[in-house]
Amino acid sequence: ARPDPQKSLVGFTVGDVHYAVPIAAVREI
């Protein structure tokens, strides 16, 4: 299965705020 090229962000929360980082920078969770 090819990764969806539209999925470019990894989302997370800190407190009540939603943040994301570019998936290209993420090594693992």
PDB file of all heavy atoms in Angstrom:
ATOM      1  N   ALA A   1       0.849  -1.182   0.000  1.00  0.00           N
ATOM      2  CA  ALA A   1       0.000   0.000   0.000  1.00  0.00           C
ATOM      3  C   ALA A   1       0.886   1.235   0.000  1.00  0.00           C
ATOM      4  O   ALA A   1       1.831   1.320   0.780  1.00  0.00           O
ATOM      5  CB  ALA A   1      -0.911  -0.003   1.218  1.00  0.00           C
ATOM      6  N   ARG A   2       0.596   2.152  -0.883  1.00  0.00           N
ATOM      7  CA  ARG A   2       1.389   3.380  -0.947  1.00  0.00           C
ATOM      8  C   ARG A   2       0.841   4.365   0.059  1.00  0.00           C
ATOM      9  O   ARG A   2      -0.362   4.516   0.208  1.00  0.00           O
ATOM     10  CB  ARG A   2       1.335   3.973  -2.339  1.00  0.00           C
ATOM     11  CG  ARG A   2       1.900   2.990  -3.369  1.00  0.00           C
ATOM     12  CD  ARG A   2       1.950   3.611  -4.690  1.00  0.00           C
ATOM     13  NE  ARG A   2       3.156   4.434  -4.682  1.00  0.00           N
ATOM     14  CZ  ARG A   2       3.472   5.244  -5.645  1.00  0.00           C
ATOM     15  NH1 ARG A   2       2.698   5.384  -6.669  1.00  0.00           N
ATOM     16  NH2 ARG A   2       4.577   5.954  -5.580  1.00  0.00           N
ATOM     17  N   PRO A   3       1.704   5.046   0.778  1.00  0.00           N
ATOM     18  CA  PRO A   3       1.217   6.035   1.727  1.00  0.00           C
ATOM     19  C   PRO A   3       0.464   7.140   0.999  1.00  0.00           C
ATOM     20  O   PRO A   3       0.791   7.491  -0.125  1.00  0.00           O
ATOM     21  CB  PRO A   3       2.476   6.579   2.394  1.00  0.00           C
ATOM     22  CG  PRO A   3       3.623   6.025   1.653  1.00  0.00           C
ATOM     23  CD  PRO A   3       3.146   4.971   0.728  1.00  0.00           C
ATOM     24  N   ASP A   4      -0.567   7.632   1.623  1.00  0.00           N
ATOM     25  CA  ASP A   4      -1.372   8.701   1.054  1.00  0.00           C
ATOM     26  C   ASP A   4      -0.538   9.980   1.037  1.00  0.00           C
ATOM     27  O   ASP A   4      -0.164  10.488   2.094  1.00  0.00           O
ATOM     28  CB  ASP A   4      -2.633   8.893   1.891  1.00  0.00           C
ATOM     29  CG  ASP A   4      -3.568   9.938   1.324  1.00  0.00           C
ATOM     30  OD1 ASP A   4      -3.162  10.689   0.420  1.00  0.00           O
ATOM     31  OD2 ASP A   4      -4.709  10.001   1.794  1.00  0.00           O
ATOM     32  N   PRO A   5      -0.232  10.525  -0.143  1.00  0.00           N
ATOM     33  CA  PRO A   5       0.609  11.729  -0.196  1.00  0.00           C
ATOM     34  C   PRO A   5      -0.077  12.941   0.437  1.00  0.00           C
ATOM     35  O   PRO A   5       0.577  13.917   0.753  1.00  0.00           O
ATOM     36  CB  PRO A   5       0.850  11.941  -1.694  1.00  0.00           C
ATOM     37  CG  PRO A   5      -0.281  11.235  -2.367  1.00  0.00           C
ATOM     38  CD  PRO A   5      -0.647  10.090  -1.468  1.00  0.00           C
ATOM     39  N   GLN A   6      -1.385  12.873   0.616  1.00  0.00           N
ATOM     40  CA  GLN A   6      -2.106  13.973   1.242  1.00  0.00           C
ATOM     41  C   GLN A   6      -1.903  13.994   2.749  1.00  0.00           C
ATOM     42  O   GLN A   6      -2.164  14.994   3.394  1.00  0.00           O
ATOM     43  CB  GLN A   6      -3.604  13.884   0.922  1.00  0.00           C
ATOM     44  CG  GLN A   6      -3.910  14.070  -0.538  1.00  0.00           C
ATOM     45  CD  GLN A   6      -3.510  15.455  -1.037  1.00  0.00           C
ATOM     46  OE1 GLN A   6      -3.712  16.451  -0.356  1.00  0.00           O
ATOM     47  NE2 GLN A   6      -2.915  15.510  -2.211  1.00  0.00           N
ATOM     48  N   LYS A   7      -1.474  12.886   3.329  1.00  0.00           N
ATOM     49  CA  LYS A   7      -1.267  12.817   4.775  1.00  0.00           C
ATOM     50  C   LYS A   7       0.139  13.308   5.089  1.00  0.00           C
ATOM     51  O   LYS A   7       1.095  12.550   5.100  1.00  0.00           O
ATOM     52  CB  LYS A   7      -1.510  11.409   5.288  1.00  0.00           C
ATOM     53  CG  LYS A   7      -2.967  11.006   5.132  1.00  0.00           C
ATOM     54  CD  LYS A   7      -3.269   9.702   5.785  1.00  0.00           C
ATOM     55  CE  LYS A   7      -4.768   9.434   5.708  1.00  0.00           C
ATOM     56  NZ  LYS A   7      -5.124   8.226   6.405  1.00  0.00           N
ATOM     57  N   SER A   8       0.232  14.603   5.355  1.00  0.00           N
ATOM     58  CA  SER A   8       1.541  15.233   5.501  1.00  0.00           C
ATOM     59  C   SER A   8       1.829  15.735   6.907  1.00  0.00           C
ATOM     60  O   SER A   8       2.898  16.261   7.160  1.00  0.00           O
ATOM     61  CB  SER A   8       1.638  16.408   4.526  1.00  0.00           C
ATOM     62  OG  SER A   8       0.592  17.340   4.795  1.00  0.00           O
ATOM     63  N   LEU A   9       0.882  15.572   7.838  1.00  0.00           N
ATOM     64  CA  LEU A   9       1.050  16.089   9.197  1.00  0.00           C
ATOM     65  C   LEU A   9       0.741  15.016  10.236  1.00  0.00           C
ATOM     66  O   LEU A   9      -0.162  14.201  10.042  1.00  0.00           O
ATOM     67  CB  LEU A   9       0.119  17.285   9.426  1.00  0.00           C
ATOM     68  CG  LEU A   9       0.294  18.486   8.508  1.00  0.00           C
ATOM     69  CD1 LEU A   9      -0.835  19.488   8.713  1.00  0.00           C
ATOM     70  CD2 LEU A   9       1.647  19.147   8.755  1.00  0.00           C
ATOM     71  N   VAL A  10       1.489  15.054  11.339  1.00  0.00           N
ATOM     72  CA  VAL A  10       1.189  14.207  12.496  1.00  0.00           C
ATOM     73  C   VAL A  10       0.605  15.128  13.558  1.00  0.00           C
ATOM     74  O   VAL A  10       1.271  16.058  14.015  1.00  0.00           O
ATOM     75  CB  VAL A  10       2.452  13.490  13.030  1.00  0.00           C
ATOM     76  CG1 VAL A  10       2.135  12.717  14.308  1.00  0.00           C
ATOM     77  CG2 VAL A  10       3.029  12.570  11.967  1.00  0.00           C
ATOM     78  N   GLY A  11      -0.647  14.873  13.932  1.00  0.00           N
ATOM     79  CA  GLY A  11      -1.340  15.728  14.884  1.00  0.00           C
ATOM     80  C   GLY A  11      -1.190  15.251  16.314  1.00  0.00           C
ATOM     81  O   GLY A  11      -1.076  14.053  16.576  1.00  0.00           O
ATOM     82  N   PHE A  12      -1.206  16.213  17.231  1.00  0.00           N
ATOM     83  CA  PHE A  12      -1.109  15.902  18.652  1.00  0.00           C
ATOM     84  C   PHE A  12      -1.710  17.040  19.457  1.00  0.00           C
ATOM     85  O   PHE A  12      -2.007  18.112  18.920  1.00  0.00           O
ATOM     86  CB  PHE A  12       0.346  15.624  19.070  1.00  0.00           C
ATOM     87  CG  PHE A  12       1.296  16.763  18.791  1.00  0.00           C
ATOM     88  CD1 PHE A  12       1.555  17.729  19.758  1.00  0.00           C
ATOM     89  CD2 PHE A  12       1.943  16.858  17.572  1.00  0.00           C
ATOM     90  CE1 PHE A  12       2.437  18.774  19.509  1.00  0.00           C
ATOM     91  CE2 PHE A  12       2.828  17.894  17.316  1.00  0.00           C
ATOM     92  CZ  PHE A  12       3.082  18.856  18.286  1.00  0.00           C
ATOM     93  N   THR A  13      -1.892  16.794  20.741  1.00  0.00           N
ATOM     94  CA  THR A  13      -2.419  17.829  21.629  1.00  0.00           C
ATOM     95  C   THR A  13      -1.418  18.122  22.733  1.00  0.00           C
ATOM     96  O   THR A  13      -0.676  17.247  23.180  1.00  0.00           O
ATOM     97  CB  THR A  13      -3.759  17.420  22.279  1.00  0.00           C
ATOM     98  OG1 THR A  13      -3.565  16.196  22.982  1.00  0.00           O
ATOM     99  CG2 THR A  13      -4.848  17.248  21.237  1.00  0.00           C
ATOM    100  N   VAL A  14      -1.430  19.383  23.137  1.00  0.00           N
ATOM    101  CA  VAL A  14      -0.710  19.842  24.320  1.00  0.00           C
ATOM    102  C   VAL A  14      -1.705  20.754  25.017  1.00  0.00           C
ATOM    103  O   VAL A  14      -2.085  21.786  24.476  1.00  0.00           O
ATOM    104  CB  VAL A  14       0.585  20.607  23.972  1.00  0.00           C
ATOM    105  CG1 VAL A  14       1.278  21.112  25.239  1.00  0.00           C
ATOM    106  CG2 VAL A  14       1.534  19.731  23.161  1.00  0.00           C
ATOM    107  N   GLY A  15      -2.170  20.320  26.179  1.00  0.00           N
ATOM    108  CA  GLY A  15      -3.264  21.036  26.822  1.00  0.00           C
ATOM    109  C   GLY A  15      -4.503  20.866  25.967  1.00  0.00           C
ATOM    110  O   GLY A  15      -4.779  19.782  25.458  1.00  0.00           O
ATOM    111  N   ASP A  16      -5.228  21.942  25.761  1.00  0.00           N
ATOM    112  CA  ASP A  16      -6.441  21.905  24.949  1.00  0.00           C
ATOM    113  C   ASP A  16      -6.209  22.339  23.511  1.00  0.00           C
ATOM    114  O   ASP A  16      -7.163  22.518  22.754  1.00  0.00           O
ATOM    115  CB  ASP A  16      -7.502  22.834  25.572  1.00  0.00           C
ATOM    116  CG  ASP A  16      -7.959  22.344  26.934  1.00  0.00           C
ATOM    117  OD1 ASP A  16      -7.944  21.118  27.163  1.00  0.00           O
ATOM    118  OD2 ASP A  16      -8.319  23.192  27.769  1.00  0.00           O
ATOM    119  N   VAL A  17      -4.960  22.517  23.117  1.00  0.00           N
ATOM    120  CA  VAL A  17      -4.640  23.035  21.789  1.00  0.00           C
ATOM    121  C   VAL A  17      -4.134  21.902  20.900  1.00  0.00           C
ATOM    122  O   VAL A  17      -3.380  21.031  21.336  1.00  0.00           O
ATOM    123  CB  VAL A  17      -3.592  24.168  21.897  1.00  0.00           C
ATOM    124  CG1 VAL A  17      -3.249  24.729  20.524  1.00  0.00           C
ATOM    125  CG2 VAL A  17      -4.097  25.279  22.811  1.00  0.00           C
ATOM    126  N   HIS A  18      -4.537  21.965  19.630  1.00  0.00           N
ATOM    127  CA  HIS A  18      -4.108  20.977  18.640  1.00  0.00           C
ATOM    128  C   HIS A  18      -2.906  21.518  17.873  1.00  0.00           C
ATOM    129  O   HIS A  18      -2.909  22.664  17.421  1.00  0.00           O
ATOM    130  CB  HIS A  18      -5.249  20.671  17.665  1.00  0.00           C
ATOM    131  CG  HIS A  18      -6.366  19.924  18.308  1.00  0.00           C
ATOM    132  ND1 HIS A  18      -6.513  18.570  18.188  1.00  0.00           N
ATOM    133  CD2 HIS A  18      -7.369  20.343  19.107  1.00  0.00           C
ATOM    134  CE1 HIS A  18      -7.566  18.183  18.883  1.00  0.00           C
ATOM    135  NE2 HIS A  18      -8.105  19.254  19.452  1.00  0.00           N
ATOM    136  N   TYR A  19      -1.892  20.674  17.736  1.00  0.00           N
ATOM    137  CA  TYR A  19      -0.669  21.008  17.023  1.00  0.00           C
ATOM    138  C   TYR A  19      -0.374  19.896  16.026  1.00  0.00           C
ATOM    139  O   TYR A  19      -0.972  18.818  16.068  1.00  0.00           O
ATOM    140  CB  TYR A  19       0.524  21.116  17.984  1.00  0.00           C
ATOM    141  CG  TYR A  19       0.427  22.243  18.971  1.00  0.00           C
ATOM    142  CD1 TYR A  19      -0.110  22.050  20.237  1.00  0.00           C
ATOM    143  CD2 TYR A  19       0.885  23.525  18.643  1.00  0.00           C
ATOM    144  CE1 TYR A  19      -0.196  23.089  21.152  1.00  0.00           C
ATOM    145  CE2 TYR A  19       0.805  24.561  19.546  1.00  0.00           C
ATOM    146  CZ  TYR A  19       0.261  24.337  20.800  1.00  0.00           C
ATOM    147  OH  TYR A  19       0.181  25.370  21.706  1.00  0.00           O
ATOM    148  N   ALA A  20       0.589  20.148  15.152  1.00  0.00           N
ATOM    149  CA  ALA A  20       1.057  19.131  14.221  1.00  0.00           C
ATOM    150  C   ALA A  20       2.501  19.430  13.864  1.00  0.00           C
ATOM    151  O   ALA A  20       2.980  20.555  14.041  1.00  0.00           O
ATOM    152  CB  ALA A  20       0.198  19.112  12.958  1.00  0.00           C
ATOM    153  N   VAL A  21       3.180  18.399  13.392  1.00  0.00           N
ATOM    154  CA  VAL A  21       4.523  18.545  12.825  1.00  0.00           C
ATOM    155  C   VAL A  21       4.506  17.848  11.466  1.00  0.00           C
ATOM    156  O   VAL A  21       3.736  16.906  11.255  1.00  0.00           O
ATOM    157  CB  VAL A  21       5.631  17.952  13.737  1.00  0.00           C
ATOM    158  CG1 VAL A  21       5.811  18.773  14.997  1.00  0.00           C
ATOM    159  CG2 VAL A  21       5.362  16.500  14.072  1.00  0.00           C
ATOM    160  N   PRO A  22       5.336  18.301  10.541  1.00  0.00           N
ATOM    161  CA  PRO A  22       5.393  17.642   9.231  1.00  0.00           C
ATOM    162  C   PRO A  22       5.817  16.182   9.382  1.00  0.00           C
ATOM    163  O   PRO A  22       6.770  15.865  10.095  1.00  0.00           O
ATOM    164  CB  PRO A  22       6.447  18.446   8.474  1.00  0.00           C
ATOM    165  CG  PRO A  22       6.480  19.777   9.170  1.00  0.00           C
ATOM    166  CD  PRO A  22       6.188  19.483  10.607  1.00  0.00           C
ATOM    167  N   ILE A  23       5.095  15.305   8.712  1.00  0.00           N
ATOM    168  CA  ILE A  23       5.376  13.874   8.831  1.00  0.00           C
ATOM    169  C   ILE A  23       6.787  13.538   8.331  1.00  0.00           C
ATOM    170  O   ILE A  23       7.402  12.587   8.814  1.00  0.00           O
ATOM    171  CB  ILE A  23       4.313  13.026   8.101  1.00  0.00           C
ATOM    172  CG1 ILE A  23       4.385  11.573   8.579  1.00  0.00           C
ATOM    173  CG2 ILE A  23       4.432  13.158   6.601  1.00  0.00           C
ATOM    174  CD1 ILE A  23       3.205  10.737   8.152  1.00  0.00           C
ATOM    175  N   ALA A  24       7.314  14.320   7.415  1.00  0.00           N
ATOM    176  CA  ALA A  24       8.658  14.064   6.890  1.00  0.00           C
ATOM    177  C   ALA A  24       9.721  14.165   7.977  1.00  0.00           C
ATOM    178  O   ALA A  24      10.788  13.551   7.867  1.00  0.00           O
ATOM    179  CB  ALA A  24       8.976  15.044   5.763  1.00  0.00           C
ATOM    180  N   ALA A  25       9.452  14.920   9.044  1.00  0.00           N
ATOM    181  CA  ALA A  25      10.424  15.080  10.127  1.00  0.00           C
ATOM    182  C   ALA A  25      10.273  14.009  11.209  1.00  0.00           C
ATOM    183  O   ALA A  25      11.155  13.866  12.055  1.00  0.00           O
ATOM    184  CB  ALA A  25      10.269  16.457  10.770  1.00  0.00           C
ATOM    185  N   VAL A  26       9.172  13.254  11.196  1.00  0.00           N
ATOM    186  CA  VAL A  26       8.890  12.289  12.259  1.00  0.00           C
ATOM    187  C   VAL A  26       9.596  10.970  11.992  1.00  0.00           C
ATOM    188  O   VAL A  26       9.452  10.372  10.931  1.00  0.00           O
ATOM    189  CB  VAL A  26       7.365  12.067  12.407  1.00  0.00           C
ATOM    190  CG1 VAL A  26       7.073  10.988  13.443  1.00  0.00           C
ATOM    191  CG2 VAL A  26       6.685  13.371  12.779  1.00  0.00           C
ATOM    192  N   ARG A  27      10.364  10.550  12.983  1.00  0.00           N
ATOM    193  CA  ARG A  27      11.048   9.253  12.891  1.00  0.00           C
ATOM    194  C   ARG A  27      10.152   8.143  13.421  1.00  0.00           C
ATOM    195  O   ARG A  27      10.005   7.102  12.809  1.00  0.00           O
ATOM    196  CB  ARG A  27      12.355   9.305  13.679  1.00  0.00           C
ATOM    197  CG  ARG A  27      13.190   8.093  13.518  1.00  0.00           C
ATOM    198  CD  ARG A  27      14.571   8.303  14.054  1.00  0.00           C
ATOM    199  NE  ARG A  27      14.947   7.102  14.769  1.00  0.00           N
ATOM    200  CZ  ARG A  27      15.882   7.020  15.663  1.00  0.00           C
ATOM    201  NH1 ARG A  27      16.569   8.085  15.982  1.00  0.00           N
ATOM    202  NH2 ARG A  27      16.149   5.899  16.242  1.00  0.00           N
ATOM    203  N   GLU A  28       9.552   8.366  14.595  1.00  0.00           N
ATOM    204  CA  GLU A  28       8.591   7.414  15.154  1.00  0.00           C
ATOM    205  C   GLU A  28       7.901   8.021  16.360  1.00  0.00           C
ATOM    206  O   GLU A  28       8.297   9.075  16.856  1.00  0.00           O
ATOM    207  CB  GLU A  28       9.244   6.078  15.519  1.00  0.00           C
ATOM    208  CG  GLU A  28      10.194   6.096  16.679  1.00  0.00           C
ATOM    209  CD  GLU A  28      10.844   4.734  16.905  1.00  0.00           C
ATOM    210  OE1 GLU A  28      10.150   3.791  17.363  1.00  0.00           O
ATOM    211  OE2 GLU A  28      12.055   4.612  16.630  1.00  0.00           O
ATOM    212  N   ILE A  29       6.858   7.340  16.820  1.00  0.00           N
ATOM    213  CA  ILE A  29       6.107   7.748  17.999  1.00  0.00           C
ATOM    214  C   ILE A  29       6.260   6.629  19.021  1.00  0.00           C
ATOM    215  O   ILE A  29       6.042   5.462  18.695  1.00  0.00           O
ATOM    216  CB  ILE A  29       4.626   7.980  17.647  1.00  0.00           C
ATOM    217  CG1 ILE A  29       4.517   9.111  16.621  1.00  0.00           C
ATOM    218  CG2 ILE A  29       3.820   8.302  18.902  1.00  0.00           C
ATOM    219  CD1 ILE A  29       3.150   9.247  15.987  1.00  0.00           C
TER     220      ILE A  29
END
